[in-house]
Amino acid sequence: MAGRIRRKQLAAAPLPAAALPRLCPLCEREIPDAQKDAHHLVPRSKGGTTTAYLHRICHRQIHSLLTETELARQYHTADALRAHPALAEFIAGVRTKPNDFYQRTAKSARLRRR
């Protein structure tokens, strides 16, 4: 069953679900349906409405490294996210993995101290 965000996007999109972009804008690998997460480029709590589909592992890594304020102010595009040093290192490692690869992600020490 599709989530609320997915249903909303499918209703607004004139293209069938099969024609939606299938590449993760962060790691540029194909996203299997089981690993597809909708990410608000600007968090909803900060007024964002635009979403992009990411691999679940990429989405979790973003939120483990960055706060919502940082996402809203500095990292609200895929290019800005790829330029972040820790995310660039993560992307370099995950690009060599299979498309359905998933591993648990822990919060960064910086965010745990908050």
PDB file of N, CA and C in Angstrom:
ATOM      1  N   MET A   1       0.840  -1.176   0.000  1.00  0.00           N
ATOM      2  CA  MET A   1       0.000   0.000   0.000  1.00  0.00           C
ATOM      3  C   MET A   1       0.882   1.235   0.000  1.00  0.00           C
ATOM      4  N   ALA A   2       0.565   2.190  -0.845  1.00  0.00           N
ATOM      5  CA  ALA A   2       1.348   3.413  -0.950  1.00  0.00           C
ATOM      6  C   ALA A   2       1.034   4.346   0.211  1.00  0.00           C
ATOM      7  N   GLY A   3       2.067   5.064   0.669  1.00  0.00           N
ATOM      8  CA  GLY A   3       1.893   6.031   1.750  1.00  0.00           C
ATOM      9  C   GLY A   3       1.170   7.268   1.270  1.00  0.00           C
ATOM     10  N   ARG A   4       0.862   8.149   2.206  1.00  0.00           N
ATOM     11  CA  ARG A   4       0.108   9.360   1.914  1.00  0.00           C
ATOM     12  C   ARG A   4       0.832  10.239   0.899  1.00  0.00           C
ATOM     13  N   ILE A   5       2.134  10.425   1.054  1.00  0.00           N
ATOM     14  CA  ILE A   5       2.894  11.271   0.132  1.00  0.00           C
ATOM     15  C   ILE A   5       2.908  10.648  -1.253  1.00  0.00           C
ATOM     16  N   ARG A   6       3.120   9.353  -1.324  1.00  0.00           N
ATOM     17  CA  ARG A   6       3.161   8.660  -2.617  1.00  0.00           C
ATOM     18  C   ARG A   6       1.814   8.768  -3.327  1.00  0.00           C
ATOM     19  N   ARG A   7       0.707   8.565  -2.603  1.00  0.00           N
ATOM     20  CA  ARG A   7      -0.627   8.671  -3.213  1.00  0.00           C
ATOM     21  C   ARG A   7      -0.869  10.078  -3.743  1.00  0.00           C
ATOM     22  N   LYS A   8      -0.432  11.080  -2.987  1.00  0.00           N
ATOM     23  CA  LYS A   8      -0.617  12.468  -3.399  1.00  0.00           C
ATOM     24  C   LYS A   8       0.167  12.763  -4.678  1.00  0.00           C
ATOM     25  N   GLN A   9       1.398  12.276  -4.760  1.00  0.00           N
ATOM     26  CA  GLN A   9       2.203  12.509  -5.950  1.00  0.00           C
ATOM     27  C   GLN A   9       1.659  11.771  -7.163  1.00  0.00           C
ATOM     28  N   LEU A  10       1.173  10.559  -6.955  1.00  0.00           N
ATOM     29  CA  LEU A  10       0.607   9.802  -8.068  1.00  0.00           C
ATOM     30  C   LEU A  10      -0.653  10.465  -8.593  1.00  0.00           C
ATOM     31  N   ALA A  11      -1.444  11.035  -7.684  1.00  0.00           N
ATOM     32  CA  ALA A  11      -2.674  11.718  -8.112  1.00  0.00           C
ATOM     33  C   ALA A  11      -2.352  12.974  -8.904  1.00  0.00           C
ATOM     34  N   ALA A  12      -1.269  13.667  -8.547  1.00  0.00           N
ATOM     35  CA  ALA A  12      -0.905  14.910  -9.219  1.00  0.00           C
ATOM     36  C   ALA A  12      -0.112  14.665 -10.502  1.00  0.00           C
ATOM     37  N   ALA A  13       0.561  13.544 -10.593  1.00  0.00           N
ATOM     38  CA  ALA A  13       1.428  13.264 -11.735  1.00  0.00           C
ATOM     39  C   ALA A  13       0.611  12.736 -12.915  1.00  0.00           C
ATOM     40  N   PRO A  14       0.785  13.328 -14.096  1.00  0.00           N
ATOM     41  CA  PRO A  14       0.081  12.836 -15.273  1.00  0.00           C
ATOM     42  C   PRO A  14       0.670  11.530 -15.812  1.00  0.00           C
ATOM     43  N   LEU A  15       1.886  11.188 -15.385  1.00  0.00           N
ATOM     44  CA  LEU A  15       2.544   9.977 -15.864  1.00  0.00           C
ATOM     45  C   LEU A  15       2.143   8.783 -15.019  1.00  0.00           C
ATOM     46  N   PRO A  16       2.094   7.588 -15.602  1.00  0.00           N
ATOM     47  CA  PRO A  16       1.839   6.394 -14.790  1.00  0.00           C
ATOM     48  C   PRO A  16       3.007   6.137 -13.853  1.00  0.00           C
ATOM     49  N   ALA A  17       2.757   5.367 -12.793  1.00  0.00           N
ATOM     50  CA  ALA A  17       3.774   5.108 -11.779  1.00  0.00           C
ATOM     51  C   ALA A  17       5.040   4.497 -12.377  1.00  0.00           C
ATOM     52  N   ALA A  18       4.903   3.683 -13.401  1.00  0.00           N
ATOM     53  CA  ALA A  18       6.068   3.035 -14.012  1.00  0.00           C
ATOM     54  C   ALA A  18       6.971   4.045 -14.715  1.00  0.00           C
ATOM     55  N   ALA A  19       6.442   5.215 -15.093  1.00  0.00           N
ATOM     56  CA  ALA A  19       7.231   6.202 -15.818  1.00  0.00           C
ATOM     57  C   ALA A  19       7.915   7.205 -14.890  1.00  0.00           C
ATOM     58  N   LEU A  20       7.681   7.114 -13.578  1.00  0.00           N
ATOM     59  CA  LEU A  20       8.327   8.023 -12.647  1.00  0.00           C
ATOM     60  C   LEU A  20       9.830   7.771 -12.635  1.00  0.00           C
ATOM     61  N   PRO A  21      10.626   8.816 -12.369  1.00  0.00           N
ATOM     62  CA  PRO A  21      12.079   8.616 -12.326  1.00  0.00           C
ATOM     63  C   PRO A  21      12.453   7.543 -11.313  1.00  0.00           C
ATOM     64  N   ARG A  22      13.372   6.688 -11.685  1.00  0.00           N
ATOM     65  CA  ARG A  22      13.724   5.548 -10.852  1.00  0.00           C
ATOM     66  C   ARG A  22      15.134   5.658 -10.287  1.00  0.00           C
ATOM     67  N   LEU A  23      15.848   6.760 -10.539  1.00  0.00           N
ATOM     68  CA  LEU A  23      17.203   6.906 -10.037  1.00  0.00           C
ATOM     69  C   LEU A  23      17.217   7.771  -8.785  1.00  0.00           C
ATOM     70  N   CYS A  24      18.011   7.359  -7.816  1.00  0.00           N
ATOM     71  CA  CYS A  24      18.189   8.137  -6.590  1.00  0.00           C
ATOM     72  C   CYS A  24      19.006   9.383  -6.942  1.00  0.00           C
ATOM     73  N   PRO A  25      18.514  10.582  -6.624  1.00  0.00           N
ATOM     74  CA  PRO A  25      19.276  11.786  -6.962  1.00  0.00           C
ATOM     75  C   PRO A  25      20.564  11.931  -6.149  1.00  0.00           C
ATOM     76  N   LEU A  26      20.689  11.175  -5.078  1.00  0.00           N
ATOM     77  CA  LEU A  26      21.878  11.280  -4.244  1.00  0.00           C
ATOM     78  C   LEU A  26      22.986  10.344  -4.743  1.00  0.00           C
ATOM     79  N   CYS A  27      22.705   9.051  -4.826  1.00  0.00           N
ATOM     80  CA  CYS A  27      23.739   8.081  -5.216  1.00  0.00           C
ATOM     81  C   CYS A  27      23.645   7.681  -6.692  1.00  0.00           C
ATOM     82  N   GLU A  28      22.574   8.087  -7.353  1.00  0.00           N
ATOM     83  CA  GLU A  28      22.365   7.853  -8.785  1.00  0.00           C
ATOM     84  C   GLU A  28      22.296   6.379  -9.158  1.00  0.00           C
ATOM     85  N   ARG A  29      21.801   5.555  -8.220  1.00  0.00           N
ATOM     86  CA  ARG A  29      21.539   4.146  -8.514  1.00  0.00           C
ATOM     87  C   ARG A  29      20.037   3.966  -8.670  1.00  0.00           C
ATOM     88  N   GLU A  30      19.633   2.900  -9.334  1.00  0.00           N
ATOM     89  CA  GLU A  30      18.209   2.608  -9.484  1.00  0.00           C
ATOM     90  C   GLU A  30      17.612   2.248  -8.128  1.00  0.00           C
ATOM     91  N   ILE A  31      16.395   2.742  -7.871  1.00  0.00           N
ATOM     92  CA  ILE A  31      15.731   2.513  -6.586  1.00  0.00           C
ATOM     93  C   ILE A  31      14.695   1.406  -6.736  1.00  0.00           C
ATOM     94  N   PRO A  32      14.877   0.273  -6.048  1.00  0.00           N
ATOM     95  CA  PRO A  32      13.837  -0.758  -6.045  1.00  0.00           C
ATOM     96  C   PRO A  32      12.617  -0.240  -5.275  1.00  0.00           C
ATOM     97  N   ASP A  33      11.433  -0.691  -5.639  1.00  0.00           N
ATOM     98  CA  ASP A  33      10.216  -0.219  -4.978  1.00  0.00           C
ATOM     99  C   ASP A  33      10.256  -0.437  -3.473  1.00  0.00           C
ATOM    100  N   ALA A  34      10.854  -1.521  -3.013  1.00  0.00           N
ATOM    101  CA  ALA A  34      10.906  -1.812  -1.578  1.00  0.00           C
ATOM    102  C   ALA A  34      11.840  -0.865  -0.829  1.00  0.00           C
ATOM    103  N   GLN A  35      12.732  -0.185  -1.525  1.00  0.00           N
ATOM    104  CA  GLN A  35      13.699   0.708  -0.889  1.00  0.00           C
ATOM    105  C   GLN A  35      13.421   2.183  -1.153  1.00  0.00           C
ATOM    106  N   LYS A  36      12.262   2.520  -1.671  1.00  0.00           N
ATOM    107  CA  LYS A  36      11.938   3.885  -2.062  1.00  0.00           C
ATOM    108  C   LYS A  36      11.377   4.667  -0.880  1.00  0.00           C
ATOM    109  N   ASP A  37      12.016   5.802  -0.538  1.00  0.00           N
ATOM    110  CA  ASP A  37      11.551   6.704   0.511  1.00  0.00           C
ATOM    111  C   ASP A  37      11.369   8.097  -0.082  1.00  0.00           C
ATOM    112  N   ALA A  38      10.307   8.776   0.306  1.00  0.00           N
ATOM    113  CA  ALA A  38      10.091  10.157  -0.110  1.00  0.00           C
ATOM    114  C   ALA A  38      10.792  11.067   0.896  1.00  0.00           C
ATOM    115  N   HIS A  39      11.614  11.978   0.406  1.00  0.00           N
ATOM    116  CA  HIS A  39      12.363  12.904   1.258  1.00  0.00           C
ATOM    117  C   HIS A  39      11.933  14.324   0.925  1.00  0.00           C
ATOM    118  N   HIS A  40      11.514  15.084   1.935  1.00  0.00           N
ATOM    119  CA  HIS A  40      11.217  16.501   1.741  1.00  0.00           C
ATOM    120  C   HIS A  40      12.542  17.245   1.660  1.00  0.00           C
ATOM    121  N   LEU A  41      12.799  17.908   0.542  1.00  0.00           N
ATOM    122  CA  LEU A  41      14.057  18.619   0.363  1.00  0.00           C
ATOM    123  C   LEU A  41      14.211  19.709   1.418  1.00  0.00           C
ATOM    124  N   VAL A  42      13.138  20.439   1.690  1.00  0.00           N
ATOM    125  CA  VAL A  42      13.058  21.333   2.844  1.00  0.00           C
ATOM    126  C   VAL A  42      12.077  20.650   3.791  1.00  0.00           C
ATOM    127  N   PRO A  43      12.474  20.376   5.029  1.00  0.00           N
ATOM    128  CA  PRO A  43      11.586  19.653   5.944  1.00  0.00           C
ATOM    129  C   PRO A  43      10.218  20.316   6.078  1.00  0.00           C
ATOM    130  N   ARG A  44       9.196  19.513   6.244  1.00  0.00           N
ATOM    131  CA  ARG A  44       7.830  20.033   6.386  1.00  0.00           C
ATOM    132  C   ARG A  44       7.726  20.996   7.557  1.00  0.00           C
ATOM    133  N   SER A  45       8.463  20.729   8.622  1.00  0.00           N
ATOM    134  CA  SER A  45       8.425  21.601   9.793  1.00  0.00           C
ATOM    135  C   SER A  45       8.994  22.988   9.497  1.00  0.00           C
ATOM    136  N   LYS A  46       9.735  23.098   8.404  1.00  0.00           N
ATOM    137  CA  LYS A  46      10.318  24.378   7.992  1.00  0.00           C
ATOM    138  C   LYS A  46       9.597  24.944   6.770  1.00  0.00           C
ATOM    139  N   GLY A  47       8.424  24.403   6.442  1.00  0.00           N
ATOM    140  CA  GLY A  47       7.609  24.928   5.347  1.00  0.00           C
ATOM    141  C   GLY A  47       7.804  24.263   4.005  1.00  0.00           C
ATOM    142  N   GLY A  48       8.521  23.176   3.940  1.00  0.00           N
ATOM    143  CA  GLY A  48       8.788  22.513   2.667  1.00  0.00           C
ATOM    144  C   GLY A  48       7.629  21.684   2.163  1.00  0.00           C
ATOM    145  N   THR A  49       7.496  21.603   0.859  1.00  0.00           N
ATOM    146  CA  THR A  49       6.459  20.779   0.237  1.00  0.00           C
ATOM    147  C   THR A  49       7.021  19.863  -0.841  1.00  0.00           C
ATOM    148  N   THR A  50       8.165  20.184  -1.409  1.00  0.00           N
ATOM    149  CA  THR A  50       8.744  19.418  -2.505  1.00  0.00           C
ATOM    150  C   THR A  50       9.428  18.157  -1.975  1.00  0.00           C
ATOM    151  N   THR A  51       9.152  17.034  -2.631  1.00  0.00           N
ATOM    152  CA  THR A  51       9.766  15.774  -2.232  1.00  0.00           C
ATOM    153  C   THR A  51      10.544  15.173  -3.388  1.00  0.00           C
ATOM    154  N   ALA A  52      11.479  14.318  -3.038  1.00  0.00           N
ATOM    155  CA  ALA A  52      12.246  13.540  -4.012  1.00  0.00           C
ATOM    156  C   ALA A  52      12.342  12.117  -3.480  1.00  0.00           C
ATOM    157  N   TYR A  53      12.342  11.144  -4.369  1.00  0.00           N
ATOM    158  CA  TYR A  53      12.499   9.752  -3.945  1.00  0.00           C
ATOM    159  C   TYR A  53      13.975   9.423  -3.826  1.00  0.00           C
ATOM    160  N   LEU A  54      14.320   8.801  -2.704  1.00  0.00           N
ATOM    161  CA  LEU A  54      15.687   8.382  -2.433  1.00  0.00           C
ATOM    162  C   LEU A  54      15.690   6.926  -2.004  1.00  0.00           C
ATOM    163  N   HIS A  55      16.856   6.285  -2.084  1.00  0.00           N
ATOM    164  CA  HIS A  55      17.015   4.976  -1.448  1.00  0.00           C
ATOM    165  C   HIS A  55      16.780   5.166   0.045  1.00  0.00           C
ATOM    166  N   ARG A  56      16.237   4.177   0.684  1.00  0.00           N
ATOM    167  CA  ARG A  56      16.005   4.258   2.128  1.00  0.00           C
ATOM    168  C   ARG A  56      17.317   4.516   2.879  1.00  0.00           C
ATOM    169  N   ILE A  57      18.396   3.861   2.477  1.00  0.00           N
ATOM    170  CA  ILE A  57      19.669   4.036   3.174  1.00  0.00           C
ATOM    171  C   ILE A  57      20.205   5.457   2.988  1.00  0.00           C
ATOM    172  N   CYS A  58      20.032   6.042   1.816  1.00  0.00           N
ATOM    173  CA  CYS A  58      20.468   7.421   1.570  1.00  0.00           C
ATOM    174  C   CYS A  58      19.647   8.397   2.410  1.00  0.00           C
ATOM    175  N   HIS A  59      18.340   8.172   2.455  1.00  0.00           N
ATOM    176  CA  HIS A  59      17.449   9.026   3.229  1.00  0.00           C
ATOM    177  C   HIS A  59      17.806   8.988   4.715  1.00  0.00           C
ATOM    178  N   ARG A  60      18.029   7.796   5.236  1.00  0.00           N
ATOM    179  CA  ARG A  60      18.384   7.660   6.655  1.00  0.00           C
ATOM    180  C   ARG A  60      19.736   8.314   6.946  1.00  0.00           C
ATOM    181  N   GLN A  61      20.675   8.201   6.020  1.00  0.00           N
ATOM    182  CA  GLN A  61      21.995   8.800   6.227  1.00  0.00           C
ATOM    183  C   GLN A  61      21.897  10.321   6.284  1.00  0.00           C
ATOM    184  N   ILE A  62      21.085  10.916   5.443  1.00  0.00           N
ATOM    185  CA  ILE A  62      20.893  12.368   5.466  1.00  0.00           C
ATOM    186  C   ILE A  62      20.427  12.808   6.849  1.00  0.00           C
ATOM    187  N   HIS A  63      19.392  12.135   7.362  1.00  0.00           N
ATOM    188  CA  HIS A  63      18.818  12.540   8.640  1.00  0.00           C
ATOM    189  C   HIS A  63      19.693  12.152   9.834  1.00  0.00           C
ATOM    190  N   SER A  64      20.627  11.234   9.637  1.00  0.00           N
ATOM    191  CA  SER A  64      21.534  10.902  10.732  1.00  0.00           C
ATOM    192  C   SER A  64      22.663  11.918  10.843  1.00  0.00           C
ATOM    193  N   LEU A  65      22.935  12.659   9.774  1.00  0.00           N
ATOM    194  CA  LEU A  65      24.042  13.613   9.774  1.00  0.00           C
ATOM    195  C   LEU A  65      23.618  15.070   9.925  1.00  0.00           C
ATOM    196  N   LEU A  66      22.420  15.405   9.454  1.00  0.00           N
ATOM    197  CA  LEU A  66      22.022  16.809   9.375  1.00  0.00           C
ATOM    198  C   LEU A  66      20.738  17.078  10.157  1.00  0.00           C
ATOM    199  N   THR A  67      20.653  18.261  10.741  1.00  0.00           N
ATOM    200  CA  THR A  67      19.433  18.669  11.434  1.00  0.00           C
ATOM    201  C   THR A  67      18.447  19.224  10.419  1.00  0.00           C
ATOM    202  N   GLU A  68      17.207  19.389  10.827  1.00  0.00           N
ATOM    203  CA  GLU A  68      16.198  19.956   9.926  1.00  0.00           C
ATOM    204  C   GLU A  68      16.537  21.390   9.556  1.00  0.00           C
ATOM    205  N   THR A  69      17.100  22.146  10.481  1.00  0.00           N
ATOM    206  CA  THR A  69      17.493  23.525  10.196  1.00  0.00           C
ATOM    207  C   THR A  69      18.598  23.562   9.141  1.00  0.00           C
ATOM    208  N   GLU A  70      19.583  22.679   9.267  1.00  0.00           N
ATOM    209  CA  GLU A  70      20.654  22.618   8.269  1.00  0.00           C
ATOM    210  C   GLU A  70      20.106  22.225   6.908  1.00  0.00           C
ATOM    211  N   LEU A  71      19.172  21.282   6.896  1.00  0.00           N
ATOM    212  CA  LEU A  71      18.560  20.867   5.629  1.00  0.00           C
ATOM    213  C   LEU A  71      17.822  22.036   4.985  1.00  0.00           C
ATOM    214  N   ALA A  72      17.087  22.799   5.768  1.00  0.00           N
ATOM    215  CA  ALA A  72      16.308  23.912   5.227  1.00  0.00           C
ATOM    216  C   ALA A  72      17.195  25.047   4.736  1.00  0.00           C
ATOM    217  N   ARG A  73      18.269  25.331   5.459  1.00  0.00           N
ATOM    218  CA  ARG A  73      19.103  26.493   5.128  1.00  0.00           C
ATOM    219  C   ARG A  73      20.164  26.207   4.073  1.00  0.00           C
ATOM    220  N   GLN A  74      20.841  25.068   4.173  1.00  0.00           N
ATOM    221  CA  GLN A  74      21.999  24.831   3.315  1.00  0.00           C
ATOM    222  C   GLN A  74      21.853  23.659   2.354  1.00  0.00           C
ATOM    223  N   TYR A  75      21.182  22.619   2.761  1.00  0.00           N
ATOM    224  CA  TYR A  75      21.204  21.362   2.012  1.00  0.00           C
ATOM    225  C   TYR A  75      19.831  21.000   1.464  1.00  0.00           C
ATOM    226  N   HIS A  76      19.197  21.925   0.748  1.00  0.00           N
ATOM    227  CA  HIS A  76      17.853  21.689   0.242  1.00  0.00           C
ATOM    228  C   HIS A  76      17.829  21.286  -1.237  1.00  0.00           C
ATOM    229  N   THR A  77      18.985  20.901  -1.767  1.00  0.00           N
ATOM    230  CA  THR A  77      19.044  20.356  -3.124  1.00  0.00           C
ATOM    231  C   THR A  77      19.932  19.104  -3.102  1.00  0.00           C
ATOM    232  N   ALA A  78      19.766  18.270  -4.103  1.00  0.00           N
ATOM    233  CA  ALA A  78      20.586  17.058  -4.199  1.00  0.00           C
ATOM    234  C   ALA A  78      22.060  17.420  -4.401  1.00  0.00           C
ATOM    235  N   ASP A  79      22.335  18.470  -5.168  1.00  0.00           N
ATOM    236  CA  ASP A  79      23.725  18.889  -5.392  1.00  0.00           C
ATOM    237  C   ASP A  79      24.383  19.334  -4.090  1.00  0.00           C
ATOM    238  N   ALA A  80      23.653  20.089  -3.276  1.00  0.00           N
ATOM    239  CA  ALA A  80      24.195  20.546  -1.992  1.00  0.00           C
ATOM    240  C   ALA A  80      24.437  19.355  -1.061  1.00  0.00           C
ATOM    241  N   LEU A  81      23.529  18.391  -1.072  1.00  0.00           N
ATOM    242  CA  LEU A  81      23.709  17.201  -0.234  1.00  0.00           C
ATOM    243  C   LEU A  81      24.940  16.410  -0.668  1.00  0.00           C
ATOM    244  N   ARG A  82      25.121  16.252  -1.982  1.00  0.00           N
ATOM    245  CA  ARG A  82      26.290  15.513  -2.482  1.00  0.00           C
ATOM    246  C   ARG A  82      27.599  16.225  -2.144  1.00  0.00           C
ATOM    247  N   ALA A  83      27.564  17.554  -1.956  1.00  0.00           N
ATOM    248  CA  ALA A  83      28.768  18.328  -1.647  1.00  0.00           C
ATOM    249  C   ALA A  83      29.166  18.227  -0.170  1.00  0.00           C
ATOM    250  N   HIS A  84      28.259  17.792   0.693  1.00  0.00           N
ATOM    251  CA  HIS A  84      28.579  17.649   2.121  1.00  0.00           C
ATOM    252  C   HIS A  84      29.664  16.575   2.263  1.00  0.00           C
ATOM    253  N   PRO A  85      30.753  16.862   2.988  1.00  0.00           N
ATOM    254  CA  PRO A  85      31.888  15.918   3.052  1.00  0.00           C
ATOM    255  C   PRO A  85      31.516  14.518   3.561  1.00  0.00           C
ATOM    256  N   ALA A  86      30.744  14.438   4.626  1.00  0.00           N
ATOM    257  CA  ALA A  86      30.390  13.119   5.172  1.00  0.00           C
ATOM    258  C   ALA A  86      29.460  12.363   4.225  1.00  0.00           C
ATOM    259  N   LEU A  87      28.545  13.073   3.586  1.00  0.00           N
ATOM    260  CA  LEU A  87      27.645  12.413   2.631  1.00  0.00           C
ATOM    261  C   LEU A  87      28.407  11.993   1.374  1.00  0.00           C
ATOM    262  N   ALA A  88      29.372  12.785   0.954  1.00  0.00           N
ATOM    263  CA  ALA A  88      30.178  12.418  -0.219  1.00  0.00           C
ATOM    264  C   ALA A  88      30.934  11.117   0.039  1.00  0.00           C
ATOM    265  N   GLU A  89      31.465  10.977   1.245  1.00  0.00           N
ATOM    266  CA  GLU A  89      32.164   9.741   1.617  1.00  0.00           C
ATOM    267  C   GLU A  89      31.190   8.558   1.644  1.00  0.00           C
ATOM    268  N   PHE A  90      29.996   8.782   2.198  1.00  0.00           N
ATOM    269  CA  PHE A  90      28.969   7.739   2.234  1.00  0.00           C
ATOM    270  C   PHE A  90      28.570   7.321   0.810  1.00  0.00           C
ATOM    271  N   ILE A  91      28.348   8.290  -0.056  1.00  0.00           N
ATOM    272  CA  ILE A  91      27.913   8.013  -1.429  1.00  0.00           C
ATOM    273  C   ILE A  91      28.981   7.213  -2.174  1.00  0.00           C
ATOM    274  N   ALA A  92      30.240   7.571  -1.979  1.00  0.00           N
ATOM    275  CA  ALA A  92      31.326   6.836  -2.644  1.00  0.00           C
ATOM    276  C   ALA A  92      31.305   5.360  -2.239  1.00  0.00           C
ATOM    277  N   GLY A  93      31.000   5.087  -0.995  1.00  0.00           N
ATOM    278  CA  GLY A  93      30.945   3.700  -0.533  1.00  0.00           C
ATOM    279  C   GLY A  93      29.702   2.960  -0.974  1.00  0.00           C
ATOM    280  N   VAL A  94      28.559   3.641  -0.969  1.00  0.00           N
ATOM    281  CA  VAL A  94      27.301   2.962  -1.279  1.00  0.00           C
ATOM    282  C   VAL A  94      27.116   2.739  -2.787  1.00  0.00           C
ATOM    283  N   ARG A  95      27.808   3.498  -3.614  1.00  0.00           N
ATOM    284  CA  ARG A  95      27.686   3.320  -5.070  1.00  0.00           C
ATOM    285  C   ARG A  95      28.158   1.945  -5.528  1.00  0.00           C
ATOM    286  N   THR A  96      29.026   1.329  -4.758  1.00  0.00           N
ATOM    287  CA  THR A  96      29.547   0.013  -5.134  1.00  0.00           C
ATOM    288  C   THR A  96      28.638  -1.117  -4.671  1.00  0.00           C
ATOM    289  N   LYS A  97      27.606  -0.811  -3.911  1.00  0.00           N
ATOM    290  CA  LYS A  97      26.698  -1.820  -3.351  1.00  0.00           C
ATOM    291  C   LYS A  97      25.560  -2.110  -4.327  1.00  0.00           C
ATOM    292  N   PRO A  98      24.894  -3.254  -4.168  1.00  0.00           N
ATOM    293  CA  PRO A  98      23.721  -3.555  -5.000  1.00  0.00           C
ATOM    294  C   PRO A  98      22.597  -2.557  -4.711  1.00  0.00           C
ATOM    295  N   ASN A  99      21.679  -2.406  -5.650  1.00  0.00           N
ATOM    296  CA  ASN A  99      20.587  -1.440  -5.513  1.00  0.00           C
ATOM    297  C   ASN A  99      19.718  -1.688  -4.297  1.00  0.00           C
ATOM    298  N   ASP A 100      19.560  -2.934  -3.870  1.00  0.00           N
ATOM    299  CA  ASP A 100      18.688  -3.227  -2.731  1.00  0.00           C
ATOM    300  C   ASP A 100      19.457  -3.316  -1.412  1.00  0.00           C
ATOM    301  N   PHE A 101      20.700  -2.858  -1.383  1.00  0.00           N
ATOM    302  CA  PHE A 101      21.520  -2.880  -0.166  1.00  0.00           C
ATOM    303  C   PHE A 101      20.908  -1.984   0.900  1.00  0.00           C
ATOM    304  N   TYR A 102      20.885  -2.472   2.142  1.00  0.00           N
ATOM    305  CA  TYR A 102      20.429  -1.672   3.271  1.00  0.00           C
ATOM    306  C   TYR A 102      21.233  -2.049   4.503  1.00  0.00           C
ATOM    307  N   GLN A 103      21.576  -1.063   5.283  1.00  0.00           N
ATOM    308  CA  GLN A 103      22.308  -1.256   6.532  1.00  0.00           C
ATOM    309  C   GLN A 103      21.783  -0.228   7.524  1.00  0.00           C
ATOM    310  N   ARG A 104      21.673  -0.609   8.768  1.00  0.00           N
ATOM    311  CA  ARG A 104      21.197   0.336   9.785  1.00  0.00           C
ATOM    312  C   ARG A 104      22.113   1.540   9.853  1.00  0.00           C
ATOM    313  N   THR A 105      21.518   2.698  10.136  1.00  0.00           N
ATOM    314  CA  THR A 105      22.265   3.937  10.226  1.00  0.00           C
ATOM    315  C   THR A 105      22.121   4.495  11.635  1.00  0.00           C
ATOM    316  N   ALA A 106      23.230   4.899  12.225  1.00  0.00           N
ATOM    317  CA  ALA A 106      23.205   5.491  13.560  1.00  0.00           C
ATOM    318  C   ALA A 106      23.362   7.004  13.459  1.00  0.00           C
ATOM    319  N   LYS A 107      22.769   7.726  14.409  1.00  0.00           N
ATOM    320  CA  LYS A 107      22.930   9.183  14.451  1.00  0.00           C
ATOM    321  C   LYS A 107      24.394   9.525  14.615  1.00  0.00           C
ATOM    322  N   SER A 108      24.811  10.644  14.021  1.00  0.00           N
ATOM    323  CA  SER A 108      26.191  11.081  14.189  1.00  0.00           C
ATOM    324  C   SER A 108      26.398  11.538  15.626  1.00  0.00           C
ATOM    325  N   ALA A 109      27.619  11.509  16.072  1.00  0.00           N
ATOM    326  CA  ALA A 109      27.949  11.922  17.440  1.00  0.00           C
ATOM    327  C   ALA A 109      27.552  13.377  17.678  1.00  0.00           C
ATOM    328  N   ARG A 110      27.685  14.196  16.664  1.00  0.00           N
ATOM    329  CA  ARG A 110      27.316  15.607  16.781  1.00  0.00           C
ATOM    330  C   ARG A 110      25.835  15.762  17.095  1.00  0.00           C
ATOM    331  N   LEU A 111      24.986  14.978  16.446  1.00  0.00           N
ATOM    332  CA  LEU A 111      23.545  15.071  16.697  1.00  0.00           C
ATOM    333  C   LEU A 111      23.153  14.396  17.993  1.00  0.00           C
ATOM    334  N   ARG A 112      23.868  13.360  18.397  1.00  0.00           N
ATOM    335  CA  ARG A 112      23.556  12.696  19.667  1.00  0.00           C
ATOM    336  C   ARG A 112      23.825  13.600  20.850  1.00  0.00           C
ATOM    337  N   ARG A 113      24.820  14.480  20.733  1.00  0.00           N
ATOM    338  CA  ARG A 113      25.160  15.383  21.841  1.00  0.00           C
ATOM    339  C   ARG A 113      24.127  16.478  22.029  1.00  0.00           C
ATOM    340  N   ARG A 114      23.270  16.719  21.065  1.00  0.00           N
ATOM    341  CA  ARG A 114      22.292  17.812  21.137  1.00  0.00           C
ATOM    342  C   ARG A 114      21.253  17.543  22.161  1.00  0.00           C
TER     343      ARG A 114
END
